[in-house]
C-alpha cells in the first residue's frame, strides 16, 4: 500500500466524522479542528471491550457507560447500568453536568465507532475531560465479550488467559445477552453528579 492510500485510510474516516458532527451554535469551542485532529489520530479516546468488561465485573464506581444511540435502540437493549444520551442531544444543557465533570470516566458507545466517536469529538472540542469511546461498539462487544472465540490449544498462554477472562466476564454479565428489554430507567437511574461551582464575577468593571 503506497503512502497516499495509507493517508487516505486515516483521514477519510476522520473527515466523515467531522462532517457528521452537528453544528454548534450555542457553545464556544475550546479546541481547534487541528488540535482535535491530532488527538483523534492518536486514538487515545479508545477503551477496549476487555477494560470495560473488567470494570463492569468489578462494579467500578468510577465508570459510567453512555449509550449515544436513539432511545428506541437503547430501550431494546443496552449494557448494564448505561444511561442514554442520544447523539442528537449531546449539546443539550440537560446533560452538561454529566459530560463536563471530573467525577467519573464516561465511556460512549453505539453499535460501531462512528456515533460514539462523534460524541467524543464534540465534547472534546468543547474542552470536556474524562470522556472516552468503547472501541468497536456493541458489535465488537458481542464478538469479543459475549461470544468469544476459543483459541487453539497451541495458542500462547496470554491468548488462552484472555479467552478465559472473556468467558468469565460473559457469564458474569449475562452470557450472551447485551442487555434486555426489561432494563428500564428505573433499573439504571441517572447518577448523582457534583455540579461544578461557578466562579463569581469580579465586582466593578465596564
N, C-alpha and C. Protein backbone atom coordinates (compact mmCIF):
# COMPACT_ATOMS: atom_id res chain seq x y z
N UNK A 1 0.86 -1.20 0.00
CA UNK A 1 0.00 0.00 0.00
C UNK A 1 0.89 1.25 0.00
N UNK A 2 0.70 2.15 -1.00
CA UNK A 2 1.55 3.33 -1.04
C UNK A 2 1.11 4.36 0.00
N UNK A 3 1.94 5.38 0.18
CA UNK A 3 1.69 6.36 1.25
C UNK A 3 0.41 7.14 1.07
N UNK A 4 0.01 7.38 -0.19
CA UNK A 4 -1.24 8.11 -0.43
C UNK A 4 -2.45 7.31 0.04
N UNK A 5 -2.43 6.01 -0.22
CA UNK A 5 -3.54 5.16 0.23
C UNK A 5 -3.58 5.08 1.75
N UNK A 6 -2.40 5.03 2.38
CA UNK A 6 -2.35 4.99 3.85
C UNK A 6 -2.94 6.26 4.45
N UNK A 7 -2.54 7.40 3.88
CA UNK A 7 -3.07 8.68 4.38
C UNK A 7 -4.57 8.77 4.17
N UNK A 8 -5.04 8.28 3.02
CA UNK A 8 -6.48 8.31 2.74
C UNK A 8 -7.24 7.45 3.74
N UNK A 9 -6.64 6.29 4.11
CA UNK A 9 -7.30 5.39 5.07
C UNK A 9 -7.42 6.03 6.44
N UNK A 10 -6.50 6.95 6.77
CA UNK A 10 -6.55 7.63 8.08
C UNK A 10 -7.50 8.82 8.05
N UNK A 11 -7.34 9.67 7.02
CA UNK A 11 -8.05 10.95 7.02
C UNK A 11 -9.50 10.87 6.54
N UNK A 12 -9.82 9.92 5.66
CA UNK A 12 -11.19 9.83 5.15
C UNK A 12 -12.20 9.54 6.26
N UNK A 13 -11.98 8.52 7.13
CA UNK A 13 -12.94 8.29 8.22
C UNK A 13 -13.05 9.49 9.16
N UNK A 14 -11.91 10.14 9.47
CA UNK A 14 -11.94 11.31 10.35
C UNK A 14 -12.72 12.45 9.72
N UNK A 15 -12.55 12.62 8.40
CA UNK A 15 -13.29 13.66 7.70
C UNK A 15 -14.78 13.42 7.73
N UNK A 16 -15.19 12.15 7.58
CA UNK A 16 -16.61 11.80 7.63
C UNK A 16 -17.19 12.09 9.00
N UNK A 17 -16.41 11.79 10.05
CA UNK A 17 -16.88 12.04 11.41
C UNK A 17 -17.05 13.54 11.64
N UNK A 18 -16.03 14.31 11.25
CA UNK A 18 -16.10 15.77 11.44
C UNK A 18 -17.28 16.35 10.68
N UNK A 19 -17.52 15.86 9.45
CA UNK A 19 -18.63 16.37 8.64
C UNK A 19 -19.98 16.03 9.26
N UNK A 20 -20.04 14.90 10.00
CA UNK A 20 -21.31 14.46 10.58
C UNK A 20 -21.62 15.13 11.91
N UNK A 21 -20.62 15.79 12.50
CA UNK A 21 -20.84 16.45 13.79
C UNK A 21 -21.86 17.57 13.62
N UNK A 22 -22.90 17.60 14.45
CA UNK A 22 -23.91 18.65 14.31
C UNK A 22 -23.33 20.04 14.55
N UNK A 23 -23.86 21.02 13.87
CA UNK A 23 -23.36 22.38 14.01
C UNK A 23 -23.63 22.89 15.41
N UNK A 24 -22.63 23.49 16.00
CA UNK A 24 -22.76 24.04 17.34
C UNK A 24 -22.93 25.55 17.23
N UNK A 25 -24.10 26.03 17.63
CA UNK A 25 -24.37 27.47 17.52
C UNK A 25 -24.50 28.13 18.89
N UNK A 26 -24.31 27.37 19.96
CA UNK A 26 -24.54 27.93 21.30
C UNK A 26 -23.32 27.90 22.20
N UNK A 27 -22.36 27.00 21.96
CA UNK A 27 -21.23 26.85 22.87
C UNK A 27 -19.91 27.16 22.14
N UNK A 28 -19.03 27.80 22.83
CA UNK A 28 -17.74 28.15 22.24
C UNK A 28 -16.79 26.95 22.28
N UNK A 29 -16.21 26.60 21.15
CA UNK A 29 -15.25 25.51 21.11
C UNK A 29 -13.93 25.95 21.71
N UNK A 30 -13.28 25.05 22.46
CA UNK A 30 -12.01 25.38 23.10
C UNK A 30 -10.82 24.76 22.38
N UNK A 31 -11.07 23.73 21.58
CA UNK A 31 -10.01 23.13 20.78
C UNK A 31 -10.24 23.48 19.31
N UNK A 32 -9.15 23.74 18.60
CA UNK A 32 -9.27 23.99 17.17
C UNK A 32 -9.46 22.65 16.46
N UNK A 33 -9.89 22.71 15.21
CA UNK A 33 -10.07 21.49 14.43
C UNK A 33 -8.73 20.75 14.30
N UNK A 34 -7.63 21.51 14.18
CA UNK A 34 -6.31 20.90 14.04
C UNK A 34 -5.92 20.16 15.32
N UNK A 35 -6.17 20.77 16.47
CA UNK A 35 -5.85 20.13 17.75
C UNK A 35 -6.67 18.86 17.94
N UNK A 36 -7.94 18.93 17.57
CA UNK A 36 -8.81 17.76 17.69
C UNK A 36 -8.36 16.64 16.76
N UNK A 37 -7.94 17.01 15.57
CA UNK A 37 -7.48 16.02 14.60
C UNK A 37 -6.27 15.27 15.12
N UNK A 38 -5.35 15.99 15.78
CA UNK A 38 -4.16 15.36 16.34
C UNK A 38 -4.56 14.34 17.40
N UNK A 39 -5.48 14.71 18.28
CA UNK A 39 -5.92 13.80 19.34
C UNK A 39 -6.64 12.58 18.75
N UNK A 40 -7.45 12.82 17.72
CA UNK A 40 -8.18 11.71 17.09
C UNK A 40 -7.22 10.73 16.42
N UNK A 41 -6.17 11.25 15.81
CA UNK A 41 -5.20 10.39 15.16
C UNK A 41 -4.45 9.52 16.17
N UNK A 42 -4.22 10.06 17.36
CA UNK A 42 -3.52 9.30 18.39
C UNK A 42 -4.38 8.15 18.92
N UNK A 43 -5.70 8.28 18.82
CA UNK A 43 -6.60 7.21 19.26
C UNK A 43 -6.65 7.03 20.77
N UNK A 44 -6.23 8.06 21.52
CA UNK A 44 -6.21 7.94 22.98
C UNK A 44 -7.60 7.89 23.58
N UNK A 45 -8.64 8.19 22.77
CA UNK A 45 -10.01 8.18 23.30
C UNK A 45 -10.57 6.78 23.44
N UNK A 46 -9.92 5.79 22.83
CA UNK A 46 -10.50 4.45 22.80
C UNK A 46 -10.17 3.64 24.05
N UNK A 47 -11.19 2.91 24.54
CA UNK A 47 -11.00 1.93 25.60
C UNK A 47 -11.46 0.58 25.07
N UNK A 48 -10.72 -0.45 25.39
CA UNK A 48 -11.02 -1.78 24.86
C UNK A 48 -12.24 -2.39 25.55
N UNK A 49 -12.86 -3.32 24.87
CA UNK A 49 -14.01 -4.03 25.46
C UNK A 49 -13.57 -4.82 26.69
N UNK A 50 -12.32 -5.30 26.69
CA UNK A 50 -11.82 -6.04 27.86
C UNK A 50 -11.73 -5.15 29.09
N UNK A 51 -11.24 -3.92 28.90
CA UNK A 51 -11.15 -2.97 30.03
C UNK A 51 -12.53 -2.67 30.59
N UNK A 52 -13.49 -2.50 29.69
CA UNK A 52 -14.85 -2.14 30.12
C UNK A 52 -15.53 -3.33 30.79
N UNK A 53 -15.32 -4.53 30.24
CA UNK A 53 -15.89 -5.73 30.85
C UNK A 53 -15.35 -5.91 32.26
N UNK A 54 -14.05 -5.69 32.43
CA UNK A 54 -13.43 -5.82 33.75
C UNK A 54 -14.03 -4.81 34.73
N UNK A 55 -14.24 -3.57 34.26
CA UNK A 55 -14.83 -2.53 35.12
C UNK A 55 -16.25 -2.91 35.53
N UNK A 56 -17.02 -3.49 34.61
CA UNK A 56 -18.40 -3.90 34.91
C UNK A 56 -18.42 -5.06 35.90
N UNK A 57 -17.55 -6.04 35.69
CA UNK A 57 -17.49 -7.19 36.60
C UNK A 57 -17.08 -6.74 37.99
N UNK A 58 -16.10 -5.82 38.05
CA UNK A 58 -15.62 -5.33 39.34
C UNK A 58 -16.56 -4.28 39.95
N UNK A 59 -17.59 -3.88 39.18
CA UNK A 59 -18.53 -2.84 39.61
C UNK A 59 -17.79 -1.56 40.00
N UNK A 60 -16.87 -1.18 39.13
CA UNK A 60 -16.05 0.01 39.35
C UNK A 60 -16.93 1.25 39.33
N UNK A 61 -17.02 1.97 40.46
CA UNK A 61 -17.91 3.14 40.53
C UNK A 61 -17.41 4.35 39.75
N UNK A 62 -16.16 4.29 39.30
CA UNK A 62 -15.61 5.45 38.57
C UNK A 62 -15.98 5.42 37.10
N UNK A 63 -16.60 4.32 36.63
CA UNK A 63 -17.00 4.19 35.23
C UNK A 63 -18.47 4.55 35.05
N UNK A 64 -18.78 5.22 33.93
CA UNK A 64 -20.18 5.43 33.56
C UNK A 64 -20.31 5.19 32.06
N UNK A 65 -21.16 4.25 31.70
CA UNK A 65 -21.41 3.95 30.29
C UNK A 65 -22.51 4.85 29.76
N UNK A 66 -22.28 5.44 28.59
CA UNK A 66 -23.26 6.33 27.97
C UNK A 66 -23.58 5.81 26.57
N UNK A 67 -24.81 5.39 26.40
CA UNK A 67 -25.31 4.89 25.12
C UNK A 67 -25.78 6.09 24.30
N UNK A 68 -25.12 6.33 23.15
CA UNK A 68 -25.45 7.52 22.36
C UNK A 68 -26.38 7.20 21.19
N UNK A 69 -26.96 6.00 21.19
CA UNK A 69 -27.93 5.66 20.15
C UNK A 69 -29.29 6.28 20.46
N UNK A 70 -30.20 6.15 19.52
CA UNK A 70 -31.56 6.67 19.73
C UNK A 70 -32.22 5.92 20.89
N UNK A 71 -33.20 6.57 21.52
CA UNK A 71 -33.84 5.99 22.71
C UNK A 71 -34.47 4.64 22.44
N UNK A 72 -35.08 4.45 21.26
CA UNK A 72 -35.73 3.16 20.98
C UNK A 72 -34.70 2.04 20.90
N UNK A 73 -33.51 2.31 20.36
CA UNK A 73 -32.46 1.30 20.32
C UNK A 73 -31.97 0.98 21.72
N UNK A 74 -31.81 2.02 22.53
CA UNK A 74 -31.37 1.85 23.91
C UNK A 74 -32.37 0.99 24.70
N UNK A 75 -33.65 1.24 24.50
CA UNK A 75 -34.67 0.51 25.26
C UNK A 75 -34.75 -0.96 24.86
N UNK A 76 -34.37 -1.27 23.62
CA UNK A 76 -34.37 -2.67 23.19
C UNK A 76 -33.28 -3.45 23.91
N UNK A 77 -32.10 -2.88 24.01
CA UNK A 77 -31.01 -3.48 24.77
C UNK A 77 -29.91 -2.46 24.98
N UNK A 78 -29.22 -2.60 26.10
CA UNK A 78 -28.08 -1.74 26.40
C UNK A 78 -27.21 -2.43 27.43
N UNK A 79 -26.01 -1.93 27.59
CA UNK A 79 -25.09 -2.51 28.56
C UNK A 79 -25.56 -2.20 29.98
N UNK A 80 -25.18 -3.04 30.95
CA UNK A 80 -25.65 -2.85 32.34
C UNK A 80 -25.37 -1.46 32.88
N UNK A 81 -26.42 -0.86 33.42
CA UNK A 81 -26.36 0.45 34.10
C UNK A 81 -26.00 1.62 33.18
N UNK A 82 -26.02 1.41 31.87
CA UNK A 82 -25.74 2.52 30.95
C UNK A 82 -26.89 3.51 30.96
N UNK A 83 -26.55 4.79 30.80
CA UNK A 83 -27.58 5.81 30.64
C UNK A 83 -27.64 6.18 29.16
N UNK A 84 -28.74 6.76 28.75
CA UNK A 84 -28.95 7.09 27.35
C UNK A 84 -28.88 8.60 27.12
N UNK A 85 -27.88 9.02 26.35
CA UNK A 85 -27.80 10.40 25.88
C UNK A 85 -27.67 10.33 24.36
N UNK A 86 -28.79 10.39 23.64
CA UNK A 86 -28.71 10.30 22.18
C UNK A 86 -27.77 11.37 21.62
N UNK A 87 -27.08 11.02 20.55
CA UNK A 87 -26.13 11.95 19.94
C UNK A 87 -26.79 13.28 19.60
N UNK A 88 -28.06 13.23 19.21
CA UNK A 88 -28.78 14.46 18.85
C UNK A 88 -28.96 15.39 20.05
N UNK A 89 -28.82 14.86 21.27
CA UNK A 89 -29.00 15.67 22.48
C UNK A 89 -27.68 16.00 23.17
N UNK A 90 -26.57 15.69 22.53
CA UNK A 90 -25.28 15.79 23.21
C UNK A 90 -24.93 17.21 23.63
N UNK A 91 -25.47 18.21 22.93
CA UNK A 91 -25.20 19.61 23.27
C UNK A 91 -26.25 20.22 24.20
N UNK A 92 -27.23 19.39 24.60
CA UNK A 92 -28.29 19.89 25.47
C UNK A 92 -27.75 20.24 26.85
N UNK A 93 -28.23 21.35 27.41
CA UNK A 93 -27.82 21.76 28.76
C UNK A 93 -28.20 20.72 29.81
N UNK A 94 -29.22 19.90 29.51
CA UNK A 94 -29.66 18.86 30.44
C UNK A 94 -28.52 17.92 30.81
N UNK A 95 -27.62 17.70 29.86
CA UNK A 95 -26.55 16.72 30.06
C UNK A 95 -25.18 17.34 30.34
N UNK A 96 -25.12 18.66 30.41
CA UNK A 96 -23.82 19.34 30.55
C UNK A 96 -23.05 18.86 31.78
N UNK A 97 -23.73 18.69 32.90
CA UNK A 97 -23.04 18.31 34.13
C UNK A 97 -22.64 16.84 34.15
N UNK A 98 -23.16 16.06 33.22
CA UNK A 98 -22.75 14.65 33.10
C UNK A 98 -21.51 14.54 32.23
N UNK A 99 -21.39 15.43 31.26
CA UNK A 99 -20.32 15.34 30.28
C UNK A 99 -19.12 16.20 30.63
N UNK A 100 -19.34 17.29 31.34
CA UNK A 100 -18.27 18.20 31.72
C UNK A 100 -18.06 18.09 33.23
N UNK A 101 -17.29 17.09 33.66
CA UNK A 101 -17.11 16.84 35.08
C UNK A 101 -15.81 16.06 35.29
N UNK A 102 -15.41 15.94 36.55
CA UNK A 102 -14.18 15.21 36.86
C UNK A 102 -14.42 14.16 37.93
N UNK A 103 -15.65 13.64 37.98
CA UNK A 103 -16.02 12.65 38.98
C UNK A 103 -15.93 11.24 38.42
N UNK A 104 -16.44 11.05 37.20
CA UNK A 104 -16.49 9.73 36.59
C UNK A 104 -15.80 9.70 35.23
N UNK A 105 -15.47 8.49 34.79
CA UNK A 105 -14.92 8.28 33.46
C UNK A 105 -16.07 7.86 32.55
N UNK A 106 -16.51 8.75 31.67
CA UNK A 106 -17.61 8.45 30.76
C UNK A 106 -17.10 7.62 29.58
N UNK A 107 -17.84 6.57 29.25
CA UNK A 107 -17.49 5.75 28.10
C UNK A 107 -18.67 5.78 27.12
N UNK A 108 -18.50 6.47 25.99
CA UNK A 108 -19.53 6.49 24.96
C UNK A 108 -19.52 5.17 24.19
N UNK A 109 -20.71 4.69 23.83
CA UNK A 109 -20.75 3.55 22.91
C UNK A 109 -21.99 3.65 22.03
N UNK A 110 -21.88 3.02 20.85
CA UNK A 110 -23.01 2.87 19.93
C UNK A 110 -22.86 1.49 19.30
N UNK A 111 -23.48 1.26 18.16
CA UNK A 111 -23.33 -0.06 17.54
C UNK A 111 -21.91 -0.29 17.04
N UNK A 112 -21.33 0.76 16.46
CA UNK A 112 -19.94 0.70 16.00
C UNK A 112 -19.17 1.84 16.62
N UNK A 113 -18.23 2.42 15.86
CA UNK A 113 -17.43 3.52 16.39
C UNK A 113 -17.94 4.90 16.01
N UNK A 114 -18.71 5.01 14.92
CA UNK A 114 -18.98 6.31 14.33
C UNK A 114 -19.69 7.27 15.28
N UNK A 115 -20.88 6.90 15.78
CA UNK A 115 -21.65 7.82 16.62
C UNK A 115 -20.94 8.14 17.93
N UNK A 116 -20.32 7.14 18.53
CA UNK A 116 -19.63 7.39 19.79
C UNK A 116 -18.41 8.27 19.59
N UNK A 117 -17.75 8.11 18.44
CA UNK A 117 -16.62 8.99 18.13
C UNK A 117 -17.09 10.42 17.91
N UNK A 118 -18.24 10.57 17.29
CA UNK A 118 -18.81 11.92 17.10
C UNK A 118 -19.07 12.56 18.46
N UNK A 119 -19.66 11.79 19.38
CA UNK A 119 -19.94 12.31 20.72
C UNK A 119 -18.64 12.73 21.40
N UNK A 120 -17.61 11.90 21.27
CA UNK A 120 -16.32 12.25 21.88
C UNK A 120 -15.74 13.52 21.25
N UNK A 121 -15.80 13.63 19.93
CA UNK A 121 -15.23 14.78 19.25
C UNK A 121 -15.93 16.08 19.66
N UNK A 122 -17.24 16.02 19.80
CA UNK A 122 -17.99 17.22 20.20
C UNK A 122 -17.60 17.63 21.62
N UNK A 123 -17.63 16.68 22.54
CA UNK A 123 -17.32 17.01 23.93
C UNK A 123 -15.86 17.40 24.10
N UNK A 124 -14.98 16.76 23.35
CA UNK A 124 -13.56 17.09 23.46
C UNK A 124 -13.27 18.48 22.90
N UNK A 125 -13.94 18.83 21.79
CA UNK A 125 -13.72 20.14 21.21
C UNK A 125 -14.24 21.24 22.13
N UNK A 126 -15.22 20.90 22.95
CA UNK A 126 -15.72 21.85 23.95
C UNK A 126 -14.78 21.95 25.15
N UNK A 127 -13.76 21.10 25.17
CA UNK A 127 -12.80 21.14 26.27
C UNK A 127 -13.15 20.22 27.42
N UNK A 128 -14.16 19.37 27.26
CA UNK A 128 -14.56 18.46 28.34
C UNK A 128 -13.52 17.34 28.49
N UNK A 129 -13.29 16.93 29.72
CA UNK A 129 -12.35 15.85 30.02
C UNK A 129 -13.13 14.59 30.42
N UNK A 130 -12.39 13.50 30.56
CA UNK A 130 -12.93 12.23 31.09
C UNK A 130 -14.01 11.60 30.23
N UNK A 131 -13.98 11.83 28.94
CA UNK A 131 -14.90 11.17 28.01
C UNK A 131 -14.10 10.29 27.05
N UNK A 132 -14.57 9.05 26.88
CA UNK A 132 -13.85 8.07 26.07
C UNK A 132 -14.83 7.32 25.18
N UNK A 133 -14.29 6.42 24.37
CA UNK A 133 -15.10 5.66 23.41
C UNK A 133 -14.81 4.17 23.56
N UNK A 134 -15.85 3.35 23.61
CA UNK A 134 -15.66 1.90 23.62
C UNK A 134 -15.32 1.46 22.19
N UNK A 135 -14.11 0.98 22.02
CA UNK A 135 -13.65 0.64 20.67
C UNK A 135 -14.45 -0.51 20.08
N UNK A 136 -14.99 -0.27 18.88
CA UNK A 136 -15.75 -1.30 18.19
C UNK A 136 -17.23 -1.31 18.53
N UNK A 137 -17.63 -0.65 19.61
CA UNK A 137 -19.04 -0.56 19.97
C UNK A 137 -19.66 -1.90 20.35
N UNK A 138 -20.99 -1.94 20.30
CA UNK A 138 -21.71 -3.14 20.71
C UNK A 138 -21.42 -4.33 19.81
N UNK A 139 -21.15 -4.08 18.53
CA UNK A 139 -20.85 -5.17 17.62
C UNK A 139 -19.59 -5.92 18.07
N UNK A 140 -18.57 -5.16 18.42
CA UNK A 140 -17.32 -5.78 18.86
C UNK A 140 -17.47 -6.35 20.27
N UNK A 141 -18.30 -5.71 21.09
CA UNK A 141 -18.58 -6.24 22.44
C UNK A 141 -19.19 -7.64 22.33
N UNK A 142 -20.15 -7.80 21.45
CA UNK A 142 -20.79 -9.11 21.27
C UNK A 142 -19.79 -10.15 20.80
N UNK A 143 -18.90 -9.72 19.91
CA UNK A 143 -17.91 -10.64 19.33
C UNK A 143 -16.83 -11.04 20.34
N UNK A 144 -16.35 -10.09 21.12
CA UNK A 144 -15.21 -10.36 22.00
C UNK A 144 -15.60 -10.79 23.40
N UNK A 145 -16.67 -10.20 23.96
CA UNK A 145 -17.02 -10.48 25.35
C UNK A 145 -18.17 -11.47 25.48
N UNK A 146 -19.24 -11.24 24.76
CA UNK A 146 -20.40 -12.11 24.90
C UNK A 146 -20.24 -13.47 24.20
N UNK A 147 -19.54 -13.46 23.07
CA UNK A 147 -19.36 -14.71 22.31
C UNK A 147 -17.91 -14.86 21.85
N UNK A 148 -16.97 -14.94 22.79
CA UNK A 148 -15.56 -15.02 22.38
C UNK A 148 -15.25 -16.34 21.69
N UNK A 149 -14.33 -16.29 20.74
CA UNK A 149 -13.91 -17.48 20.00
C UNK A 149 -12.78 -18.17 20.76
N UNK A 150 -12.93 -19.46 20.98
CA UNK A 150 -11.92 -20.21 21.73
C UNK A 150 -10.64 -20.31 20.90
N UNK A 151 -9.49 -20.04 21.53
CA UNK A 151 -8.22 -20.15 20.81
C UNK A 151 -7.83 -21.61 20.62
N UNK A 152 -6.90 -21.85 19.71
CA UNK A 152 -6.38 -23.21 19.51
C UNK A 152 -5.58 -23.63 20.74
N UNK A 153 -5.50 -24.93 20.96
CA UNK A 153 -4.78 -25.44 22.14
C UNK A 153 -3.30 -25.09 22.10
N UNK A 154 -2.81 -24.77 20.91
CA UNK A 154 -1.39 -24.42 20.76
C UNK A 154 -1.16 -22.91 20.88
N UNK A 155 -2.22 -22.14 21.17
CA UNK A 155 -2.10 -20.69 21.28
C UNK A 155 -1.23 -20.30 22.47
N UNK A 156 -0.63 -19.10 22.40
CA UNK A 156 0.18 -18.63 23.54
C UNK A 156 -0.67 -18.52 24.80
N UNK A 157 0.01 -18.58 25.93
CA UNK A 157 -0.69 -18.53 27.23
C UNK A 157 -1.53 -17.27 27.40
N UNK A 158 -1.01 -16.13 26.88
CA UNK A 158 -1.76 -14.89 27.07
C UNK A 158 -3.07 -14.89 26.28
N UNK A 159 -3.09 -15.55 25.13
CA UNK A 159 -4.34 -15.66 24.36
C UNK A 159 -5.34 -16.55 25.09
N UNK A 160 -4.86 -17.63 25.68
CA UNK A 160 -5.74 -18.53 26.44
C UNK A 160 -6.28 -17.82 27.68
N UNK A 161 -5.41 -17.05 28.34
CA UNK A 161 -5.83 -16.31 29.53
C UNK A 161 -6.87 -15.25 29.16
N UNK A 162 -6.68 -14.59 28.02
CA UNK A 162 -7.65 -13.59 27.56
C UNK A 162 -9.00 -14.24 27.30
N UNK A 163 -8.99 -15.42 26.67
CA UNK A 163 -10.24 -16.13 26.40
C UNK A 163 -10.93 -16.52 27.71
N UNK A 164 -10.14 -17.02 28.67
CA UNK A 164 -10.72 -17.42 29.96
C UNK A 164 -11.37 -16.22 30.65
N UNK A 165 -10.68 -15.07 30.58
CA UNK A 165 -11.25 -13.86 31.17
C UNK A 165 -12.56 -13.49 30.49
N UNK A 166 -12.58 -13.52 29.17
CA UNK A 166 -13.77 -13.13 28.42
C UNK A 166 -14.94 -14.07 28.70
N UNK A 167 -14.66 -15.36 28.80
CA UNK A 167 -15.73 -16.32 29.11
C UNK A 167 -16.29 -16.05 30.51
N UNK A 168 -15.39 -15.78 31.44
CA UNK A 168 -15.84 -15.47 32.80
C UNK A 168 -16.66 -14.20 32.85
N UNK A 169 -16.20 -13.17 32.11
CA UNK A 169 -16.94 -11.91 32.06
C UNK A 169 -18.29 -12.11 31.41
N UNK A 170 -18.34 -12.92 30.35
CA UNK A 170 -19.60 -13.19 29.67
C UNK A 170 -20.61 -13.83 30.62
N UNK A 171 -20.16 -14.79 31.40
CA UNK A 171 -21.05 -15.45 32.36
C UNK A 171 -21.50 -14.47 33.44
N UNK A 172 -20.59 -13.64 33.91
CA UNK A 172 -20.92 -12.67 34.96
C UNK A 172 -21.88 -11.60 34.47
N UNK A 173 -21.81 -11.30 33.16
CA UNK A 173 -22.62 -10.21 32.60
C UNK A 173 -23.85 -10.71 31.84
N UNK A 174 -24.19 -11.96 31.98
CA UNK A 174 -25.43 -12.43 31.38
C UNK A 174 -25.28 -13.44 30.28
N UNK A 175 -24.06 -13.83 29.95
CA UNK A 175 -23.82 -14.92 28.99
C UNK A 175 -24.50 -14.76 27.65
N UNK A 176 -24.10 -13.77 26.86
CA UNK A 176 -24.62 -13.64 25.50
C UNK A 176 -25.66 -12.57 25.35
N UNK A 177 -26.25 -12.10 26.45
CA UNK A 177 -27.24 -11.02 26.34
C UNK A 177 -26.54 -9.69 26.51
N UNK A 178 -26.72 -8.79 25.56
CA UNK A 178 -26.08 -7.49 25.62
C UNK A 178 -26.90 -6.53 26.45
N UNK A 179 -27.86 -7.01 27.17
CA UNK A 179 -28.80 -6.15 27.89
C UNK A 179 -30.18 -6.69 27.56
N UNK A 180 -31.20 -6.24 28.20
CA UNK A 180 -32.52 -6.77 27.91
C UNK A 180 -33.53 -5.66 27.82
N UNK A 181 -34.65 -5.99 27.21
CA UNK A 181 -35.73 -5.02 27.11
C UNK A 181 -36.29 -4.69 28.49
N UNK A 182 -36.03 -5.59 29.45
CA UNK A 182 -36.51 -5.34 30.81
C UNK A 182 -35.72 -4.24 31.50
N UNK A 183 -34.51 -3.97 30.98
CA UNK A 183 -33.71 -2.90 31.59
C UNK A 183 -34.40 -1.58 31.36
N UNK A 184 -34.86 -0.98 32.40
CA UNK A 184 -35.62 0.26 32.27
C UNK A 184 -34.89 1.38 32.96
N UNK A 185 -35.43 2.57 32.87
CA UNK A 185 -34.82 3.71 33.52
C UNK A 185 -34.84 3.52 35.04
N UNK A 186 -35.78 2.74 35.56
CA UNK A 186 -35.83 2.51 37.00
C UNK A 186 -34.63 1.70 37.45
N UNK A 187 -34.16 0.75 36.60
CA UNK A 187 -33.03 -0.09 36.99
C UNK A 187 -31.71 0.59 36.74
N UNK A 188 -31.68 1.65 35.93
CA UNK A 188 -30.43 2.37 35.69
C UNK A 188 -30.68 3.88 35.79
N UNK A 189 -30.87 4.36 37.02
CA UNK A 189 -31.18 5.78 37.21
C UNK A 189 -29.99 6.66 36.88
N UNK A 190 -30.27 7.94 36.69
CA UNK A 190 -29.17 8.87 36.45
C UNK A 190 -28.33 8.97 37.72
N UNK A 191 -27.00 8.89 37.56
CA UNK A 191 -26.15 9.00 38.75
C UNK A 191 -26.12 10.42 39.29
N UNK A 192 -25.76 10.53 40.55
CA UNK A 192 -25.65 11.85 41.16
C UNK A 192 -24.34 12.48 40.72
N UNK A 193 -24.40 13.68 40.22
CA UNK A 193 -23.21 14.39 39.75
C UNK A 193 -22.99 15.63 40.61
N UNK A 194 -21.77 15.82 41.03
CA UNK A 194 -21.43 17.02 41.78
C UNK A 194 -21.27 18.16 40.79
N UNK A 195 -22.10 19.14 40.90
CA UNK A 195 -22.02 20.28 39.99
C UNK A 195 -20.81 21.13 40.33
N UNK A 196 -20.15 21.60 39.28
CA UNK A 196 -19.01 22.48 39.49
C UNK A 196 -19.50 23.84 39.98
N UNK A 197 -18.77 24.38 40.93
CA UNK A 197 -19.12 25.71 41.42
C UNK A 197 -18.76 26.74 40.37
N UNK A 198 -19.70 27.60 40.05
CA UNK A 198 -19.42 28.65 39.08
C UNK A 198 -18.63 29.77 39.74
N UNK A 199 -17.62 30.23 39.00
CA UNK A 199 -16.80 31.31 39.53
C UNK A 199 -17.59 32.59 39.60
N UNK A 200 -17.44 33.30 40.73
CA UNK A 200 -18.14 34.58 40.86
C UNK A 200 -17.44 35.63 40.02
N UNK A 201 -18.23 36.45 39.39
CA UNK A 201 -17.66 37.53 38.60
C UNK A 201 -17.13 38.62 39.51
N UNK A 202 -16.02 39.19 39.12
CA UNK A 202 -15.43 40.26 39.91
C UNK A 202 -16.32 41.49 39.85
N UNK A 203 -16.44 42.17 40.98
CA UNK A 203 -17.28 43.35 41.03
C UNK A 203 -16.64 44.49 40.25
N UNK A 204 -17.48 45.37 39.74
CA UNK A 204 -16.98 46.54 39.01
C UNK A 204 -16.75 46.19 37.56
N UNK A 205 -15.86 46.89 36.92
CA UNK A 205 -15.58 46.64 35.51
C UNK A 205 -16.43 47.51 34.64
N UNK A 206 -16.29 47.23 33.32
CA UNK A 206 -17.01 48.06 32.36
C UNK A 206 -18.49 47.78 32.41
